[in-house]
């Protein structure tokens, strides 16, 4: 297989948030091995901003906080609506119970369960920023079972 034929993978997701620190706290509670890989500031579109890359050597999230008065920071889409925009970010985990335990210890409770499925368990959380994260654990490595839609 040539390099061009390799499967693509998502390296990072870039999000604009109203405050970086609450989302960093949530992510580091779920994934204690994640760290701030880099951070900085500067201007973007004439507005001062702070940014961080939080993750590990292979994957990360970029979080951008525009340093505006709170009333001018905007809002995230209403999760229970049909508005366009980010609905949630899903993470595959090897041990869902361990993630749930770490998040509970940090003060986070699941928002809702995923649908009942014979080959996966999943939970959804909403962090203090209003972002929704899904954590899914598969009980099968067989693609037809993992990707079974009922």
N, C-alpha and C. Protein backbone atom coordinates (compact mmCIF):
# COMPACT_ATOMS: atom_id res chain seq x y z
N UNK A 1 0.85 -1.18 0.00
CA UNK A 1 0.00 0.00 0.00
C UNK A 1 0.89 1.24 0.00
N UNK A 2 0.60 2.14 -0.91
CA UNK A 2 1.37 3.38 -0.95
C UNK A 2 0.86 4.34 0.10
N UNK A 3 1.68 5.33 0.36
CA UNK A 3 1.30 6.34 1.35
C UNK A 3 -0.02 7.01 0.99
N UNK A 4 -0.26 7.23 -0.30
CA UNK A 4 -1.50 7.87 -0.74
C UNK A 4 -2.72 6.99 -0.51
N UNK A 5 -2.53 5.67 -0.42
CA UNK A 5 -3.64 4.74 -0.24
C UNK A 5 -3.96 4.48 1.23
N UNK A 6 -3.11 4.95 2.13
CA UNK A 6 -3.34 4.74 3.55
C UNK A 6 -4.64 5.42 3.96
N UNK A 7 -5.25 4.86 5.00
CA UNK A 7 -6.48 5.45 5.51
C UNK A 7 -6.18 6.79 6.17
N UNK A 8 -6.98 7.80 5.87
CA UNK A 8 -6.78 9.06 6.59
C UNK A 8 -7.25 8.91 8.03
N UNK A 9 -6.73 9.73 8.90
CA UNK A 9 -7.18 9.76 10.28
C UNK A 9 -7.30 11.21 10.70
N UNK A 10 -8.16 11.46 11.64
CA UNK A 10 -8.30 12.82 12.13
C UNK A 10 -7.16 13.07 13.10
N UNK A 11 -6.34 14.05 12.82
CA UNK A 11 -5.24 14.41 13.71
C UNK A 11 -5.71 15.35 14.82
N UNK A 12 -6.54 16.33 14.44
CA UNK A 12 -7.04 17.26 15.45
C UNK A 12 -8.36 17.87 15.00
N UNK A 13 -9.04 18.43 15.97
CA UNK A 13 -10.26 19.20 15.75
C UNK A 13 -10.00 20.57 16.36
N UNK A 14 -10.39 21.62 15.66
CA UNK A 14 -10.15 22.98 16.10
C UNK A 14 -11.49 23.60 16.51
N UNK A 15 -11.60 23.99 17.77
CA UNK A 15 -12.85 24.53 18.31
C UNK A 15 -12.65 25.94 18.85
N UNK A 16 -13.65 26.77 18.68
CA UNK A 16 -13.68 28.08 19.32
C UNK A 16 -14.56 27.93 20.55
N UNK A 17 -14.04 28.36 21.69
CA UNK A 17 -14.75 28.27 22.96
C UNK A 17 -14.80 29.66 23.60
N UNK A 18 -15.70 29.81 24.55
CA UNK A 18 -15.73 31.10 25.26
C UNK A 18 -14.68 31.14 26.35
N UNK A 19 -14.28 29.96 26.86
CA UNK A 19 -13.24 29.86 27.89
C UNK A 19 -12.55 28.52 27.73
N UNK A 20 -11.24 28.53 27.62
CA UNK A 20 -10.46 27.31 27.39
C UNK A 20 -10.42 26.40 28.60
N UNK A 21 -10.19 26.96 29.77
CA UNK A 21 -9.88 26.16 30.95
C UNK A 21 -10.94 25.11 31.32
N UNK A 22 -12.25 25.41 31.25
CA UNK A 22 -13.22 24.37 31.60
C UNK A 22 -13.15 23.14 30.69
N UNK A 23 -12.91 23.34 29.41
CA UNK A 23 -12.83 22.20 28.49
C UNK A 23 -11.53 21.44 28.70
N UNK A 24 -10.44 22.13 28.98
CA UNK A 24 -9.18 21.44 29.30
C UNK A 24 -9.36 20.58 30.54
N UNK A 25 -10.01 21.11 31.57
CA UNK A 25 -10.23 20.34 32.80
C UNK A 25 -11.04 19.08 32.51
N UNK A 26 -12.10 19.21 31.73
CA UNK A 26 -12.93 18.05 31.39
C UNK A 26 -12.11 17.02 30.63
N UNK A 27 -11.40 17.43 29.59
CA UNK A 27 -10.65 16.48 28.76
C UNK A 27 -9.54 15.80 29.55
N UNK A 28 -8.83 16.54 30.40
CA UNK A 28 -7.76 15.93 31.19
C UNK A 28 -8.33 15.00 32.27
N UNK A 29 -9.57 15.23 32.70
CA UNK A 29 -10.22 14.30 33.63
C UNK A 29 -10.55 12.98 32.91
N UNK A 30 -11.03 13.08 31.68
CA UNK A 30 -11.34 11.88 30.91
C UNK A 30 -10.07 11.14 30.49
N UNK A 31 -9.06 11.89 30.09
CA UNK A 31 -7.82 11.32 29.56
C UNK A 31 -6.63 11.89 30.33
N UNK A 32 -6.30 11.30 31.49
CA UNK A 32 -5.23 11.87 32.32
C UNK A 32 -3.86 11.92 31.63
N UNK A 33 -3.67 11.11 30.60
CA UNK A 33 -2.38 11.14 29.89
C UNK A 33 -2.28 12.31 28.91
N UNK A 34 -3.38 13.01 28.67
CA UNK A 34 -3.34 14.17 27.78
C UNK A 34 -2.70 15.35 28.52
N UNK A 35 -1.98 16.14 27.76
CA UNK A 35 -1.33 17.34 28.29
C UNK A 35 -1.55 18.50 27.33
N UNK A 36 -1.16 19.67 27.76
CA UNK A 36 -1.11 20.83 26.88
C UNK A 36 0.14 20.65 26.02
N UNK A 37 -0.05 20.39 24.74
CA UNK A 37 1.08 20.18 23.81
C UNK A 37 1.71 21.49 23.40
N UNK A 38 0.93 22.53 23.38
CA UNK A 38 1.41 23.84 22.98
C UNK A 38 0.34 24.87 23.28
N UNK A 39 0.76 26.10 23.40
CA UNK A 39 -0.20 27.17 23.63
C UNK A 39 0.40 28.49 23.19
N UNK A 40 -0.47 29.43 22.94
CA UNK A 40 0.02 30.72 22.51
C UNK A 40 -1.10 31.73 22.43
N UNK A 41 -0.81 32.76 21.71
CA UNK A 41 -1.79 33.84 21.56
C UNK A 41 -1.51 34.60 20.30
N UNK A 42 -2.04 35.76 20.24
CA UNK A 42 -1.89 36.60 19.07
C UNK A 42 -3.25 37.12 18.65
N UNK A 43 -3.31 37.60 17.43
CA UNK A 43 -4.57 38.12 16.91
C UNK A 43 -5.06 37.22 15.78
N UNK A 44 -6.36 37.11 15.68
CA UNK A 44 -7.00 36.42 14.57
C UNK A 44 -8.18 37.29 14.16
N UNK A 45 -8.20 37.68 12.91
CA UNK A 45 -9.25 38.55 12.39
C UNK A 45 -9.37 39.83 13.23
N UNK A 46 -8.23 40.33 13.69
CA UNK A 46 -8.21 41.57 14.44
C UNK A 46 -8.63 41.46 15.89
N UNK A 47 -8.83 40.25 16.39
CA UNK A 47 -9.27 40.04 17.76
C UNK A 47 -8.19 39.26 18.51
N UNK A 48 -7.79 39.72 19.70
CA UNK A 48 -6.81 38.95 20.47
C UNK A 48 -7.40 37.60 20.88
N UNK A 49 -6.54 36.58 20.85
CA UNK A 49 -7.01 35.25 21.24
C UNK A 49 -5.91 34.50 21.96
N UNK A 50 -6.35 33.52 22.72
CA UNK A 50 -5.48 32.54 23.38
C UNK A 50 -5.84 31.20 22.77
N UNK A 51 -4.85 30.34 22.53
CA UNK A 51 -5.12 29.01 22.02
C UNK A 51 -4.28 27.99 22.77
N UNK A 52 -4.78 26.75 22.83
CA UNK A 52 -4.01 25.61 23.36
C UNK A 52 -4.28 24.40 22.48
N UNK A 53 -3.29 23.52 22.43
CA UNK A 53 -3.44 22.19 21.87
C UNK A 53 -3.40 21.24 23.05
N UNK A 54 -4.50 20.52 23.30
CA UNK A 54 -4.56 19.56 24.41
C UNK A 54 -4.76 18.18 23.82
N UNK A 55 -3.87 17.24 24.19
CA UNK A 55 -3.97 15.89 23.67
C UNK A 55 -2.70 15.11 23.96
N UNK A 56 -2.42 14.14 23.08
CA UNK A 56 -1.21 13.33 23.22
C UNK A 56 -0.40 13.47 21.94
N UNK A 57 0.58 12.60 21.74
CA UNK A 57 1.45 12.73 20.58
C UNK A 57 0.74 12.50 19.25
N UNK A 58 -0.40 11.79 19.27
CA UNK A 58 -1.07 11.45 18.02
C UNK A 58 -2.32 12.24 17.71
N UNK A 59 -3.02 12.70 18.73
CA UNK A 59 -4.30 13.38 18.53
C UNK A 59 -4.44 14.52 19.52
N UNK A 60 -5.17 15.54 19.11
CA UNK A 60 -5.38 16.64 20.04
C UNK A 60 -6.58 17.47 19.60
N UNK A 61 -7.02 18.31 20.50
CA UNK A 61 -8.01 19.32 20.20
C UNK A 61 -7.34 20.68 20.32
N UNK A 62 -7.61 21.54 19.37
CA UNK A 62 -7.19 22.94 19.47
C UNK A 62 -8.37 23.70 20.05
N UNK A 63 -8.12 24.45 21.09
CA UNK A 63 -9.15 25.29 21.71
C UNK A 63 -8.72 26.73 21.55
N UNK A 64 -9.61 27.56 21.03
CA UNK A 64 -9.35 28.98 20.80
C UNK A 64 -10.32 29.79 21.63
N UNK A 65 -9.78 30.69 22.41
CA UNK A 65 -10.59 31.60 23.23
C UNK A 65 -10.31 33.02 22.75
N UNK A 66 -11.34 33.67 22.21
CA UNK A 66 -11.19 35.06 21.78
C UNK A 66 -11.41 35.96 22.98
N UNK A 67 -10.47 36.85 23.19
CA UNK A 67 -10.47 37.69 24.38
C UNK A 67 -11.37 38.91 24.17
N UNK A 68 -12.66 38.63 24.22
CA UNK A 68 -13.69 39.64 24.03
C UNK A 68 -14.48 39.80 25.31
N UNK A 69 -15.21 40.91 25.46
CA UNK A 69 -16.13 40.99 26.60
C UNK A 69 -17.10 39.82 26.53
N UNK A 70 -17.51 39.32 27.68
CA UNK A 70 -18.36 38.12 27.73
C UNK A 70 -19.60 38.24 26.84
N UNK A 71 -20.22 39.39 26.82
CA UNK A 71 -21.45 39.57 26.03
C UNK A 71 -21.19 39.45 24.53
N UNK A 72 -19.94 39.62 24.10
CA UNK A 72 -19.62 39.59 22.67
C UNK A 72 -19.02 38.25 22.23
N UNK A 73 -18.96 37.28 23.12
CA UNK A 73 -18.28 36.02 22.80
C UNK A 73 -19.10 35.04 21.97
N UNK A 74 -20.36 35.27 21.80
CA UNK A 74 -21.17 34.34 21.01
C UNK A 74 -21.66 33.18 21.86
N UNK A 75 -22.18 32.16 21.20
CA UNK A 75 -22.72 31.01 21.89
C UNK A 75 -22.53 29.78 21.03
N UNK A 76 -22.62 28.61 21.67
CA UNK A 76 -22.61 27.35 20.93
C UNK A 76 -24.02 27.07 20.45
N UNK A 77 -24.13 26.23 19.44
CA UNK A 77 -25.46 25.88 18.93
C UNK A 77 -26.24 25.15 20.01
N UNK A 78 -27.53 25.30 19.98
CA UNK A 78 -28.42 24.57 20.88
C UNK A 78 -28.37 23.10 20.48
N UNK A 79 -27.93 22.24 21.42
CA UNK A 79 -27.73 20.84 21.09
C UNK A 79 -29.02 20.10 20.73
N UNK A 80 -30.12 20.53 21.25
CA UNK A 80 -31.40 19.89 20.96
C UNK A 80 -32.13 20.57 19.81
N UNK A 81 -31.37 21.11 18.86
CA UNK A 81 -31.98 21.82 17.74
C UNK A 81 -31.48 21.23 16.43
N UNK A 82 -32.01 21.78 15.34
CA UNK A 82 -31.55 21.37 14.00
C UNK A 82 -30.59 22.40 13.41
N UNK A 83 -30.07 23.31 14.25
CA UNK A 83 -29.12 24.31 13.77
C UNK A 83 -27.87 23.62 13.24
N UNK A 84 -27.27 24.15 12.18
CA UNK A 84 -25.99 23.61 11.71
C UNK A 84 -24.89 23.85 12.75
N UNK A 85 -23.87 23.04 12.69
CA UNK A 85 -22.72 23.21 13.57
C UNK A 85 -22.35 21.91 14.26
N UNK A 86 -21.40 22.00 15.15
CA UNK A 86 -20.90 20.82 15.84
C UNK A 86 -21.96 20.25 16.77
N UNK A 87 -22.24 18.95 16.64
CA UNK A 87 -23.17 18.28 17.55
C UNK A 87 -22.39 17.68 18.71
N UNK A 88 -21.38 16.86 18.42
CA UNK A 88 -20.53 16.32 19.48
C UNK A 88 -19.26 15.76 18.86
N UNK A 89 -18.30 15.48 19.72
CA UNK A 89 -17.06 14.81 19.32
C UNK A 89 -17.07 13.45 20.00
N UNK A 90 -16.83 12.39 19.24
CA UNK A 90 -16.84 11.04 19.78
C UNK A 90 -15.43 10.49 19.94
N UNK A 91 -15.19 9.87 21.10
CA UNK A 91 -13.92 9.22 21.39
C UNK A 91 -14.16 7.73 21.61
N UNK A 92 -13.41 6.89 20.91
CA UNK A 92 -13.43 5.46 21.20
C UNK A 92 -12.47 5.22 22.36
N UNK A 93 -12.95 4.50 23.37
CA UNK A 93 -12.14 4.21 24.55
C UNK A 93 -12.13 2.70 24.78
N UNK A 94 -11.05 2.21 25.39
CA UNK A 94 -10.93 0.79 25.67
C UNK A 94 -11.74 0.38 26.89
N UNK A 95 -11.92 1.29 27.85
CA UNK A 95 -12.60 0.97 29.10
C UNK A 95 -13.53 2.12 29.48
N UNK A 96 -14.77 2.01 29.08
CA UNK A 96 -15.74 3.07 29.34
C UNK A 96 -15.94 3.29 30.84
N UNK A 97 -15.96 2.21 31.61
CA UNK A 97 -16.15 2.35 33.05
C UNK A 97 -15.04 3.19 33.69
N UNK A 98 -13.82 3.01 33.23
CA UNK A 98 -12.69 3.78 33.78
C UNK A 98 -12.86 5.27 33.48
N UNK A 99 -13.30 5.59 32.26
CA UNK A 99 -13.53 7.00 31.90
C UNK A 99 -14.64 7.58 32.76
N UNK A 100 -15.73 6.83 32.91
CA UNK A 100 -16.86 7.29 33.73
C UNK A 100 -16.40 7.54 35.16
N UNK A 101 -15.60 6.62 35.71
CA UNK A 101 -15.11 6.78 37.08
C UNK A 101 -14.25 8.03 37.23
N UNK A 102 -13.35 8.27 36.27
CA UNK A 102 -12.49 9.46 36.35
C UNK A 102 -13.31 10.74 36.25
N UNK A 103 -14.28 10.74 35.34
CA UNK A 103 -15.11 11.93 35.20
C UNK A 103 -15.98 12.15 36.43
N UNK A 104 -16.52 11.08 37.00
CA UNK A 104 -17.33 11.22 38.21
C UNK A 104 -16.49 11.79 39.35
N UNK A 105 -15.27 11.28 39.49
CA UNK A 105 -14.36 11.77 40.53
C UNK A 105 -14.07 13.26 40.37
N UNK A 106 -14.07 13.74 39.13
CA UNK A 106 -13.82 15.16 38.85
C UNK A 106 -15.10 15.98 38.90
N UNK A 107 -16.25 15.34 39.19
CA UNK A 107 -17.50 16.07 39.35
C UNK A 107 -18.41 16.10 38.15
N UNK A 108 -18.14 15.27 37.14
CA UNK A 108 -18.96 15.25 35.93
C UNK A 108 -19.88 14.04 35.94
N UNK A 109 -21.12 14.27 35.52
CA UNK A 109 -22.11 13.20 35.39
C UNK A 109 -22.51 13.07 33.92
N UNK A 110 -22.82 11.85 33.47
CA UNK A 110 -23.26 11.70 32.08
C UNK A 110 -24.53 12.50 31.82
N UNK A 111 -24.65 13.01 30.62
CA UNK A 111 -25.86 13.72 30.21
C UNK A 111 -26.92 12.72 29.76
N UNK A 112 -26.52 11.74 28.94
CA UNK A 112 -27.45 10.70 28.53
C UNK A 112 -26.69 9.49 27.98
N UNK A 113 -27.39 8.36 27.98
CA UNK A 113 -26.85 7.11 27.46
C UNK A 113 -27.04 7.06 25.95
N UNK A 114 -26.18 6.29 25.30
CA UNK A 114 -26.40 6.00 23.89
C UNK A 114 -27.47 4.93 23.75
N UNK A 115 -27.86 4.67 22.52
CA UNK A 115 -28.87 3.64 22.27
C UNK A 115 -28.33 2.26 22.63
N UNK A 116 -29.22 1.38 23.02
CA UNK A 116 -28.84 0.00 23.32
C UNK A 116 -28.32 -0.65 22.04
N UNK A 117 -27.16 -1.30 22.13
CA UNK A 117 -26.52 -1.89 20.96
C UNK A 117 -25.81 -3.17 21.38
N UNK A 118 -25.87 -4.21 20.58
CA UNK A 118 -25.24 -5.47 20.99
C UNK A 118 -23.72 -5.45 21.03
N UNK A 119 -23.08 -4.47 20.37
CA UNK A 119 -21.62 -4.49 20.26
C UNK A 119 -20.93 -3.21 20.71
N UNK A 120 -21.67 -2.32 21.36
CA UNK A 120 -21.04 -1.10 21.88
C UNK A 120 -21.86 -0.52 23.02
N UNK A 121 -21.15 0.23 23.87
CA UNK A 121 -21.78 1.02 24.94
C UNK A 121 -21.26 2.44 24.77
N UNK A 122 -22.15 3.40 24.95
CA UNK A 122 -21.69 4.77 24.83
C UNK A 122 -22.48 5.69 25.74
N UNK A 123 -21.78 6.73 26.18
CA UNK A 123 -22.35 7.77 27.04
C UNK A 123 -21.97 9.13 26.48
N UNK A 124 -22.83 10.10 26.76
CA UNK A 124 -22.60 11.47 26.33
C UNK A 124 -22.48 12.38 27.55
N UNK A 125 -21.55 13.32 27.47
CA UNK A 125 -21.34 14.31 28.52
C UNK A 125 -21.39 15.69 27.88
N UNK A 126 -21.80 16.67 28.65
CA UNK A 126 -21.72 18.06 28.22
C UNK A 126 -20.84 18.79 29.23
N UNK A 127 -19.78 19.40 28.73
CA UNK A 127 -18.85 20.08 29.64
C UNK A 127 -19.38 21.46 30.01
N UNK A 128 -18.67 22.16 30.88
CA UNK A 128 -19.10 23.48 31.36
C UNK A 128 -19.17 24.49 30.24
N UNK A 129 -18.46 24.25 29.16
CA UNK A 129 -18.48 25.15 28.00
C UNK A 129 -19.73 24.93 27.15
N UNK A 130 -20.41 23.79 27.36
CA UNK A 130 -21.59 23.48 26.56
C UNK A 130 -21.29 22.57 25.39
N UNK A 131 -20.07 22.02 25.33
CA UNK A 131 -19.70 21.09 24.27
C UNK A 131 -20.10 19.67 24.68
N UNK A 132 -20.58 18.90 23.70
CA UNK A 132 -20.97 17.52 23.98
C UNK A 132 -19.89 16.57 23.49
N UNK A 133 -19.55 15.61 24.35
CA UNK A 133 -18.55 14.60 24.05
C UNK A 133 -19.17 13.22 24.24
N UNK A 134 -18.91 12.34 23.29
CA UNK A 134 -19.37 10.94 23.38
C UNK A 134 -18.15 10.06 23.63
N UNK A 135 -18.34 9.08 24.51
CA UNK A 135 -17.33 8.07 24.78
C UNK A 135 -17.96 6.73 24.45
N UNK A 136 -17.30 5.96 23.57
CA UNK A 136 -17.86 4.69 23.12
C UNK A 136 -16.84 3.57 23.31
N UNK A 137 -17.31 2.46 23.82
CA UNK A 137 -16.49 1.25 23.98
C UNK A 137 -17.13 0.15 23.14
N UNK A 138 -16.35 -0.45 22.26
CA UNK A 138 -16.84 -1.54 21.41
C UNK A 138 -16.49 -2.88 22.04
N UNK A 139 -17.41 -3.83 21.90
CA UNK A 139 -17.16 -5.19 22.40
C UNK A 139 -16.80 -6.13 21.26
N UNK A 140 -16.64 -5.60 20.06
CA UNK A 140 -16.29 -6.39 18.89
C UNK A 140 -15.29 -5.61 18.05
N UNK A 141 -14.40 -6.33 17.41
CA UNK A 141 -13.48 -5.72 16.45
C UNK A 141 -13.96 -5.93 15.01
N UNK A 142 -15.08 -6.61 14.84
CA UNK A 142 -15.61 -6.92 13.52
C UNK A 142 -16.36 -5.69 13.00
N UNK A 143 -15.90 -5.09 11.91
CA UNK A 143 -16.53 -3.86 11.42
C UNK A 143 -18.05 -4.00 11.21
N UNK A 144 -18.52 -5.10 10.69
CA UNK A 144 -19.94 -5.27 10.43
C UNK A 144 -20.74 -5.25 11.74
N UNK A 145 -20.12 -5.70 12.84
CA UNK A 145 -20.80 -5.67 14.14
C UNK A 145 -20.70 -4.28 14.77
N UNK A 146 -19.51 -3.69 14.72
CA UNK A 146 -19.33 -2.35 15.28
C UNK A 146 -20.22 -1.33 14.58
N UNK A 147 -20.37 -1.49 13.28
CA UNK A 147 -21.11 -0.52 12.48
C UNK A 147 -22.54 -0.98 12.17
N UNK A 148 -23.06 -1.84 13.01
CA UNK A 148 -24.44 -2.31 12.86
C UNK A 148 -25.40 -1.20 13.27
N UNK A 149 -26.24 -0.79 12.34
CA UNK A 149 -27.21 0.27 12.62
C UNK A 149 -28.60 -0.35 12.55
N UNK A 150 -29.34 -0.17 13.62
CA UNK A 150 -30.66 -0.81 13.71
C UNK A 150 -31.76 0.20 13.65
